[in-house]
């Protein structure tokens, strides 16, 4: 399974301290397992299958997709709990 990051999520990771980035990346790797691991909930109000992963005070917004035969995890956005849903 492949992981694809959006521009905004890469920008967030570049500005965050390394220990936090490591925790977030480990949690994202858990999404590639079957069944996915982590505190995951389906987001209401979206029809594209978005879900959120909780990593401490941070949230990772993502969705699954298929490109040909390769399954992909699209990381839409990463941010702190208070700012991510705005």
PDB file of N, CA and C in Angstrom:
ATOM      1  N   UNK A   1       0.843  -1.174   0.000  1.00  0.00           N
ATOM      2  CA  UNK A   1       0.000   0.000   0.000  1.00  0.00           C
ATOM      3  C   UNK A   1       0.892   1.241   0.000  1.00  0.00           C
ATOM      4  N   UNK A   2       0.505   2.222  -0.760  1.00  0.00           N
ATOM      5  CA  UNK A   2       1.281   3.457  -0.917  1.00  0.00           C
ATOM      6  C   UNK A   2       0.650   4.574  -0.091  1.00  0.00           C
ATOM      7  N   UNK A   3       1.484   5.482   0.415  1.00  0.00           N
ATOM      8  CA  UNK A   3       1.016   6.638   1.178  1.00  0.00           C
ATOM      9  C   UNK A   3       1.344   7.898   0.386  1.00  0.00           C
ATOM     10  N   UNK A   4       0.321   8.728   0.127  1.00  0.00           N
ATOM     11  CA  UNK A   4       0.504   9.973  -0.625  1.00  0.00           C
ATOM     12  C   UNK A   4       0.121  11.140   0.287  1.00  0.00           C
ATOM     13  N   UNK A   5       1.045  12.093   0.452  1.00  0.00           N
ATOM     14  CA  UNK A   5       0.825  13.253   1.316  1.00  0.00           C
ATOM     15  C   UNK A   5       0.433  14.471   0.481  1.00  0.00           C
ATOM     16  N   UNK A   6      -0.501  15.266   0.990  1.00  0.00           N
ATOM     17  CA  UNK A   6      -0.852  16.529   0.338  1.00  0.00           C
ATOM     18  C   UNK A   6       0.228  17.568   0.663  1.00  0.00           C
ATOM     19  N   UNK A   7       0.181  18.683  -0.061  1.00  0.00           N
ATOM     20  CA  UNK A   7       1.144  19.762   0.160  1.00  0.00           C
ATOM     21  C   UNK A   7       1.042  20.317   1.583  1.00  0.00           C
ATOM     22  N   UNK A   8      -0.189  20.510   2.049  1.00  0.00           N
ATOM     23  CA  UNK A   8      -0.382  21.096   3.378  1.00  0.00           C
ATOM     24  C   UNK A   8       0.096  20.155   4.488  1.00  0.00           C
ATOM     25  N   UNK A   9      -0.074  18.849   4.299  1.00  0.00           N
ATOM     26  CA  UNK A   9       0.393  17.915   5.323  1.00  0.00           C
ATOM     27  C   UNK A   9       1.919  17.866   5.361  1.00  0.00           C
ATOM     28  N   UNK A  10       2.569  17.915   4.210  1.00  0.00           N
ATOM     29  CA  UNK A  10       4.036  17.949   4.178  1.00  0.00           C
ATOM     30  C   UNK A  10       4.572  19.232   4.819  1.00  0.00           C
ATOM     31  N   UNK A  11       3.863  20.340   4.599  1.00  0.00           N
ATOM     32  CA  UNK A  11       4.262  21.612   5.189  1.00  0.00           C
ATOM     33  C   UNK A  11       4.168  21.539   6.715  1.00  0.00           C
ATOM     34  N   UNK A  12       3.095  20.940   7.220  1.00  0.00           N
ATOM     35  CA  UNK A  12       2.938  20.788   8.666  1.00  0.00           C
ATOM     36  C   UNK A  12       4.065  19.929   9.248  1.00  0.00           C
ATOM     37  N   UNK A  13       4.375  18.823   8.583  1.00  0.00           N
ATOM     38  CA  UNK A  13       5.421  17.930   9.078  1.00  0.00           C
ATOM     39  C   UNK A  13       6.790  18.595   9.064  1.00  0.00           C
ATOM     40  N   UNK A  14       7.036  19.472   8.090  1.00  0.00           N
ATOM     41  CA  UNK A  14       8.338  20.138   8.014  1.00  0.00           C
ATOM     42  C   UNK A  14       8.523  21.162   9.130  1.00  0.00           C
ATOM     43  N   UNK A  15       7.418  21.699   9.663  1.00  0.00           N
ATOM     44  CA  UNK A  15       7.502  22.720  10.709  1.00  0.00           C
ATOM     45  C   UNK A  15       7.432  22.138  12.118  1.00  0.00           C
ATOM     46  N   UNK A  16       7.129  20.856  12.231  1.00  0.00           N
ATOM     47  CA  UNK A  16       6.924  20.229  13.535  1.00  0.00           C
ATOM     48  C   UNK A  16       8.214  19.559  14.007  1.00  0.00           C
ATOM     49  N   UNK A  17       8.367  19.447  15.325  1.00  0.00           N
ATOM     50  CA  UNK A  17       9.593  18.833  15.866  1.00  0.00           C
ATOM     51  C   UNK A  17       9.672  17.352  15.506  1.00  0.00           C
ATOM     52  N   UNK A  18      10.893  16.847  15.447  1.00  0.00           N
ATOM     53  CA  UNK A  18      11.155  15.507  14.913  1.00  0.00           C
ATOM     54  C   UNK A  18      10.471  14.389  15.701  1.00  0.00           C
ATOM     55  N   UNK A  19      10.416  14.493  17.008  1.00  0.00           N
ATOM     56  CA  UNK A  19       9.804  13.423  17.794  1.00  0.00           C
ATOM     57  C   UNK A  19       8.309  13.306  17.501  1.00  0.00           C
ATOM     58  N   UNK A  20       7.650  14.433  17.310  1.00  0.00           N
ATOM     59  CA  UNK A  20       6.231  14.432  16.971  1.00  0.00           C
ATOM     60  C   UNK A  20       6.016  13.885  15.573  1.00  0.00           C
ATOM     61  N   UNK A  21       6.874  14.274  14.639  1.00  0.00           N
ATOM     62  CA  UNK A  21       6.773  13.783  13.260  1.00  0.00           C
ATOM     63  C   UNK A  21       6.935  12.268  13.235  1.00  0.00           C
ATOM     64  N   UNK A  22       7.857  11.754  14.037  1.00  0.00           N
ATOM     65  CA  UNK A  22       8.075  10.307  14.094  1.00  0.00           C
ATOM     66  C   UNK A  22       6.824   9.581  14.599  1.00  0.00           C
ATOM     67  N   UNK A  23       6.186  10.121  15.648  1.00  0.00           N
ATOM     68  CA  UNK A  23       4.952   9.529  16.175  1.00  0.00           C
ATOM     69  C   UNK A  23       3.841   9.544  15.136  1.00  0.00           C
ATOM     70  N   UNK A  24       3.709  10.652  14.416  1.00  0.00           N
ATOM     71  CA  UNK A  24       2.656  10.775  13.409  1.00  0.00           C
ATOM     72  C   UNK A  24       2.905   9.804  12.262  1.00  0.00           C
ATOM     73  N   UNK A  25       4.144   9.715  11.795  1.00  0.00           N
ATOM     74  CA  UNK A  25       4.454   8.797  10.689  1.00  0.00           C
ATOM     75  C   UNK A  25       4.243   7.334  11.083  1.00  0.00           C
ATOM     76  N   UNK A  26       4.566   6.971  12.325  1.00  0.00           N
ATOM     77  CA  UNK A  26       4.318   5.604  12.800  1.00  0.00           C
ATOM     78  C   UNK A  26       2.824   5.311  12.815  1.00  0.00           C
ATOM     79  N   UNK A  27       2.026   6.292  13.249  1.00  0.00           N
ATOM     80  CA  UNK A  27       0.570   6.109  13.276  1.00  0.00           C
ATOM     81  C   UNK A  27       0.016   5.972  11.862  1.00  0.00           C
ATOM     82  N   UNK A  28       0.571   6.733  10.917  1.00  0.00           N
ATOM     83  CA  UNK A  28       0.122   6.651   9.524  1.00  0.00           C
ATOM     84  C   UNK A  28       0.474   5.288   8.937  1.00  0.00           C
ATOM     85  N   UNK A  29       1.629   4.734   9.314  1.00  0.00           N
ATOM     86  CA  UNK A  29       1.987   3.389   8.846  1.00  0.00           C
ATOM     87  C   UNK A  29       0.973   2.357   9.325  1.00  0.00           C
ATOM     88  N   UNK A  30       0.376   2.597  10.489  1.00  0.00           N
ATOM     89  CA  UNK A  30      -0.654   1.709  11.016  1.00  0.00           C
ATOM     90  C   UNK A  30      -1.898   1.671  10.153  1.00  0.00           C
ATOM     91  N   UNK A  31      -2.098   2.706   9.333  1.00  0.00           N
ATOM     92  CA  UNK A  31      -3.260   2.752   8.429  1.00  0.00           C
ATOM     93  C   UNK A  31      -3.098   1.786   7.262  1.00  0.00           C
ATOM     94  N   UNK A  32      -1.870   1.374   6.968  1.00  0.00           N
ATOM     95  CA  UNK A  32      -1.636   0.475   5.838  1.00  0.00           C
ATOM     96  C   UNK A  32      -1.867  -0.981   6.207  1.00  0.00           C
ATOM     97  N   UNK A  33      -2.034  -1.255   7.499  1.00  0.00           N
ATOM     98  CA  UNK A  33      -2.270  -2.627   7.939  1.00  0.00           C
ATOM     99  C   UNK A  33      -3.727  -3.019   7.715  1.00  0.00           C
ATOM    100  N   UNK A  34      -3.983  -4.314   7.789  1.00  0.00           N
ATOM    101  CA  UNK A  34      -5.354  -4.781   7.642  1.00  0.00           C
ATOM    102  C   UNK A  34      -5.726  -5.599   8.865  1.00  0.00           C
ATOM    103  N   UNK A  35      -6.608  -5.181   9.707  1.00  0.00           N
ATOM    104  CA  UNK A  35      -7.368  -3.916   9.709  1.00  0.00           C
ATOM    105  C   UNK A  35      -6.493  -2.750  10.181  1.00  0.00           C
ATOM    106  N   UNK A  36      -6.860  -1.519   9.819  1.00  0.00           N
ATOM    107  CA  UNK A  36      -6.074  -0.343  10.217  1.00  0.00           C
ATOM    108  C   UNK A  36      -6.014  -0.206  11.737  1.00  0.00           C
ATOM    109  N   UNK A  37      -4.866   0.262  12.226  1.00  0.00           N
ATOM    110  CA  UNK A  37      -4.680   0.433  13.668  1.00  0.00           C
ATOM    111  C   UNK A  37      -4.730   1.905  14.035  1.00  0.00           C
ATOM    112  N   UNK A  38      -5.240   2.189  15.221  1.00  0.00           N
ATOM    113  CA  UNK A  38      -5.271   3.558  15.717  1.00  0.00           C
ATOM    114  C   UNK A  38      -6.673   3.981  16.102  1.00  0.00           C
ATOM    115  N   UNK A  39      -6.764   5.185  16.647  1.00  0.00           N
ATOM    116  CA  UNK A  39      -8.042   5.772  17.028  1.00  0.00           C
ATOM    117  C   UNK A  39      -8.633   6.427  15.789  1.00  0.00           C
ATOM    118  N   UNK A  40      -9.488   5.693  15.076  1.00  0.00           N
ATOM    119  CA  UNK A  40     -10.003   6.113  13.776  1.00  0.00           C
ATOM    120  C   UNK A  40     -11.499   6.326  13.865  1.00  0.00           C
ATOM    121  N   UNK A  41     -11.973   7.408  13.270  1.00  0.00           N
ATOM    122  CA  UNK A  41     -13.409   7.661  13.177  1.00  0.00           C
ATOM    123  C   UNK A  41     -13.722   8.187  11.786  1.00  0.00           C
ATOM    124  N   UNK A  42     -14.911   7.845  11.288  1.00  0.00           N
ATOM    125  CA  UNK A  42     -15.389   8.367  10.008  1.00  0.00           C
ATOM    126  C   UNK A  42     -15.866   9.787  10.242  1.00  0.00           C
ATOM    127  N   UNK A  43     -15.505  10.692   9.345  1.00  0.00           N
ATOM    128  CA  UNK A  43     -15.895  12.095   9.497  1.00  0.00           C
ATOM    129  C   UNK A  43     -17.281  12.310   8.905  1.00  0.00           C
ATOM    130  N   UNK A  44     -18.125  12.979   9.666  1.00  0.00           N
ATOM    131  CA  UNK A  44     -19.483  13.281   9.212  1.00  0.00           C
ATOM    132  C   UNK A  44     -19.459  14.514   8.316  1.00  0.00           C
ATOM    133  N   UNK A  45     -20.392  14.576   7.382  1.00  0.00           N
ATOM    134  CA  UNK A  45     -20.507  15.747   6.519  1.00  0.00           C
ATOM    135  C   UNK A  45     -19.702  15.658   5.240  1.00  0.00           C
ATOM    136  N   UNK A  46     -19.005  14.562   5.013  1.00  0.00           N
ATOM    137  CA  UNK A  46     -18.226  14.364   3.800  1.00  0.00           C
ATOM    138  C   UNK A  46     -18.691  13.085   3.114  1.00  0.00           C
ATOM    139  N   UNK A  47     -18.793  13.131   1.790  1.00  0.00           N
ATOM    140  CA  UNK A  47     -19.246  11.965   1.032  1.00  0.00           C
ATOM    141  C   UNK A  47     -18.105  11.231   0.352  1.00  0.00           C
ATOM    142  N   UNK A  48     -16.861  11.651   0.591  1.00  0.00           N
ATOM    143  CA  UNK A  48     -15.730  11.034  -0.105  1.00  0.00           C
ATOM    144  C   UNK A  48     -14.997   9.990   0.746  1.00  0.00           C
ATOM    145  N   UNK A  49     -15.556   9.601   1.890  1.00  0.00           N
ATOM    146  CA  UNK A  49     -14.956   8.554   2.699  1.00  0.00           C
ATOM    147  C   UNK A  49     -13.832   9.006   3.602  1.00  0.00           C
ATOM    148  N   UNK A  50     -13.811  10.284   3.940  1.00  0.00           N
ATOM    149  CA  UNK A  50     -12.749  10.794   4.820  1.00  0.00           C
ATOM    150  C   UNK A  50     -12.861  10.211   6.216  1.00  0.00           C
ATOM    151  N   UNK A  51     -11.703   9.981   6.800  1.00  0.00           N
ATOM    152  CA  UNK A  51     -11.635   9.515   8.172  1.00  0.00           C
ATOM    153  C   UNK A  51     -10.577  10.323   8.889  1.00  0.00           C
ATOM    154  N   UNK A  52     -10.606  10.258  10.220  1.00  0.00           N
ATOM    155  CA  UNK A  52      -9.572  10.957  10.974  1.00  0.00           C
ATOM    156  C   UNK A  52      -8.891   9.976  11.902  1.00  0.00           C
ATOM    157  N   UNK A  53      -7.597  10.189  12.047  1.00  0.00           N
ATOM    158  CA  UNK A  53      -6.762   9.393  12.932  1.00  0.00           C
ATOM    159  C   UNK A  53      -6.271  10.304  14.041  1.00  0.00           C
ATOM    160  N   UNK A  54      -6.458   9.889  15.282  1.00  0.00           N
ATOM    161  CA  UNK A  54      -6.013  10.685  16.426  1.00  0.00           C
ATOM    162  C   UNK A  54      -4.624  10.220  16.845  1.00  0.00           C
ATOM    163  N   UNK A  55      -3.689  11.183  16.931  1.00  0.00           N
ATOM    164  CA  UNK A  55      -2.325  10.919  17.406  1.00  0.00           C
ATOM    165  C   UNK A  55      -2.042  11.956  18.485  1.00  0.00           C
ATOM    166  N   UNK A  56      -2.385  11.646  19.730  1.00  0.00           N
ATOM    167  CA  UNK A  56      -2.227  12.614  20.815  1.00  0.00           C
ATOM    168  C   UNK A  56      -3.127  13.803  20.563  1.00  0.00           C
ATOM    169  N   UNK A  57      -2.543  15.014  20.544  1.00  0.00           N
ATOM    170  CA  UNK A  57      -3.353  16.203  20.293  1.00  0.00           C
ATOM    171  C   UNK A  57      -3.438  16.560  18.812  1.00  0.00           C
ATOM    172  N   UNK A  58      -2.886  15.710  17.964  1.00  0.00           N
ATOM    173  CA  UNK A  58      -2.903  15.960  16.529  1.00  0.00           C
ATOM    174  C   UNK A  58      -3.916  15.057  15.832  1.00  0.00           C
ATOM    175  N   UNK A  59      -4.413  15.515  14.693  1.00  0.00           N
ATOM    176  CA  UNK A  59      -5.357  14.748  13.896  1.00  0.00           C
ATOM    177  C   UNK A  59      -4.833  14.633  12.472  1.00  0.00           C
ATOM    178  N   UNK A  60      -4.990  13.445  11.898  1.00  0.00           N
ATOM    179  CA  UNK A  60      -4.597  13.187  10.514  1.00  0.00           C
ATOM    180  C   UNK A  60      -5.883  12.890   9.751  1.00  0.00           C
ATOM    181  N   UNK A  61      -6.193  13.709   8.754  1.00  0.00           N
ATOM    182  CA  UNK A  61      -7.376  13.511   7.922  1.00  0.00           C
ATOM    183  C   UNK A  61      -6.912  12.754   6.676  1.00  0.00           C
ATOM    184  N   UNK A  62      -7.575  11.640   6.368  1.00  0.00           N
ATOM    185  CA  UNK A  62      -7.133  10.807   5.253  1.00  0.00           C
ATOM    186  C   UNK A  62      -8.314  10.089   4.625  1.00  0.00           C
ATOM    187  N   UNK A  63      -8.050   9.501   3.470  1.00  0.00           N
ATOM    188  CA  UNK A  63      -9.032   8.622   2.824  1.00  0.00           C
ATOM    189  C   UNK A  63      -8.285   7.581   2.017  1.00  0.00           C
ATOM    190  N   UNK A  64      -8.967   6.485   1.752  1.00  0.00           N
ATOM    191  CA  UNK A  64      -8.391   5.410   0.951  1.00  0.00           C
ATOM    192  C   UNK A  64      -8.827   5.568  -0.491  1.00  0.00           C
ATOM    193  N   UNK A  65      -7.964   5.147  -1.414  1.00  0.00           N
ATOM    194  CA  UNK A  65      -8.279   5.169  -2.826  1.00  0.00           C
ATOM    195  C   UNK A  65      -7.545   4.053  -3.539  1.00  0.00           C
ATOM    196  N   UNK A  66      -7.911   3.838  -4.800  1.00  0.00           N
ATOM    197  CA  UNK A  66      -7.262   2.807  -5.603  1.00  0.00           C
ATOM    198  C   UNK A  66      -6.841   3.438  -6.916  1.00  0.00           C
ATOM    199  N   UNK A  67      -5.564   3.242  -7.274  1.00  0.00           N
ATOM    200  CA  UNK A  67      -5.042   3.725  -8.546  1.00  0.00           C
ATOM    201  C   UNK A  67      -4.594   2.498  -9.325  1.00  0.00           C
ATOM    202  N   UNK A  68      -5.426   2.041 -10.244  1.00  0.00           N
ATOM    203  CA  UNK A  68      -5.137   0.784 -10.919  1.00  0.00           C
ATOM    204  C   UNK A  68      -5.313  -0.345  -9.929  1.00  0.00           C
ATOM    205  N   UNK A  69      -4.247  -1.074  -9.663  1.00  0.00           N
ATOM    206  CA  UNK A  69      -4.308  -2.156  -8.687  1.00  0.00           C
ATOM    207  C   UNK A  69      -3.638  -1.800  -7.363  1.00  0.00           C
ATOM    208  N   UNK A  70      -3.048  -0.612  -7.284  1.00  0.00           N
ATOM    209  CA  UNK A  70      -2.331  -0.198  -6.075  1.00  0.00           C
ATOM    210  C   UNK A  70      -3.294   0.547  -5.153  1.00  0.00           C
ATOM    211  N   UNK A  71      -3.393   0.080  -3.905  1.00  0.00           N
ATOM    212  CA  UNK A  71      -4.197   0.796  -2.921  1.00  0.00           C
ATOM    213  C   UNK A  71      -3.368   1.945  -2.361  1.00  0.00           C
ATOM    214  N   UNK A  72      -4.028   3.084  -2.182  1.00  0.00           N
ATOM    215  CA  UNK A  72      -3.333   4.298  -1.759  1.00  0.00           C
ATOM    216  C   UNK A  72      -4.037   4.889  -0.543  1.00  0.00           C
ATOM    217  N   UNK A  73      -3.254   5.391   0.412  1.00  0.00           N
ATOM    218  CA  UNK A  73      -3.775   6.175   1.521  1.00  0.00           C
ATOM    219  C   UNK A  73      -3.437   7.626   1.207  1.00  0.00           C
ATOM    220  N   UNK A  74      -4.459   8.460   0.990  1.00  0.00           N
ATOM    221  CA  UNK A  74      -4.254   9.884   0.727  1.00  0.00           C
ATOM    222  C   UNK A  74      -4.315  10.636   2.052  1.00  0.00           C
ATOM    223  N   UNK A  75      -3.212  11.246   2.446  1.00  0.00           N
ATOM    224  CA  UNK A  75      -3.174  12.073   3.652  1.00  0.00           C
ATOM    225  C   UNK A  75      -3.594  13.474   3.224  1.00  0.00           C
ATOM    226  N   UNK A  76      -4.803  13.873   3.601  1.00  0.00           N
ATOM    227  CA  UNK A  76      -5.370  15.145   3.156  1.00  0.00           C
ATOM    228  C   UNK A  76      -4.818  16.307   3.968  1.00  0.00           C
ATOM    229  N   UNK A  77      -4.780  16.153   5.305  1.00  0.00           N
ATOM    230  CA  UNK A  77      -4.307  17.247   6.148  1.00  0.00           C
ATOM    231  C   UNK A  77      -3.878  16.705   7.507  1.00  0.00           C
ATOM    232  N   UNK A  78      -2.968  17.413   8.145  1.00  0.00           N
ATOM    233  CA  UNK A  78      -2.512  17.096   9.489  1.00  0.00           C
ATOM    234  C   UNK A  78      -2.498  18.404  10.263  1.00  0.00           C
ATOM    235  N   UNK A  79      -2.964  18.368  11.509  1.00  0.00           N
ATOM    236  CA  UNK A  79      -2.945  19.579  12.315  1.00  0.00           C
ATOM    237  C   UNK A  79      -3.313  19.294  13.748  1.00  0.00           C
ATOM    238  N   UNK A  80      -3.268  20.350  14.566  1.00  0.00           N
ATOM    239  CA  UNK A  80      -3.633  20.179  15.968  1.00  0.00           C
ATOM    240  C   UNK A  80      -5.147  20.073  16.094  1.00  0.00           C
ATOM    241  N   UNK A  81      -5.585  19.544  17.203  1.00  0.00           N
ATOM    242  CA  UNK A  81      -6.985  19.222  17.417  1.00  0.00           C
ATOM    243  C   UNK A  81      -7.909  20.412  17.206  1.00  0.00           C
ATOM    244  N   UNK A  82      -7.523  21.591  17.661  1.00  0.00           N
ATOM    245  CA  UNK A  82      -8.402  22.758  17.574  1.00  0.00           C
ATOM    246  C   UNK A  82      -8.461  23.377  16.201  1.00  0.00           C
ATOM    247  N   UNK A  83      -7.423  23.210  15.392  1.00  0.00           N
ATOM    248  CA  UNK A  83      -7.339  23.915  14.112  1.00  0.00           C
ATOM    249  C   UNK A  83      -7.730  23.075  12.902  1.00  0.00           C
ATOM    250  N   UNK A  84      -7.675  21.778  13.007  1.00  0.00           N
ATOM    251  CA  UNK A  84      -7.802  20.917  11.844  1.00  0.00           C
ATOM    252  C   UNK A  84      -9.198  20.931  11.249  1.00  0.00           C
ATOM    253  N   UNK A  85     -10.222  21.116  12.052  1.00  0.00           N
ATOM    254  CA  UNK A  85     -11.593  21.007  11.564  1.00  0.00           C
ATOM    255  C   UNK A  85     -12.152  22.305  11.018  1.00  0.00           C
ATOM    256  N   UNK A  86     -11.378  23.379  11.036  1.00  0.00           N
ATOM    257  CA  UNK A  86     -11.860  24.684  10.565  1.00  0.00           C
ATOM    258  C   UNK A  86     -11.740  24.814   9.064  1.00  0.00           C
TER     259      UNK A  86
END
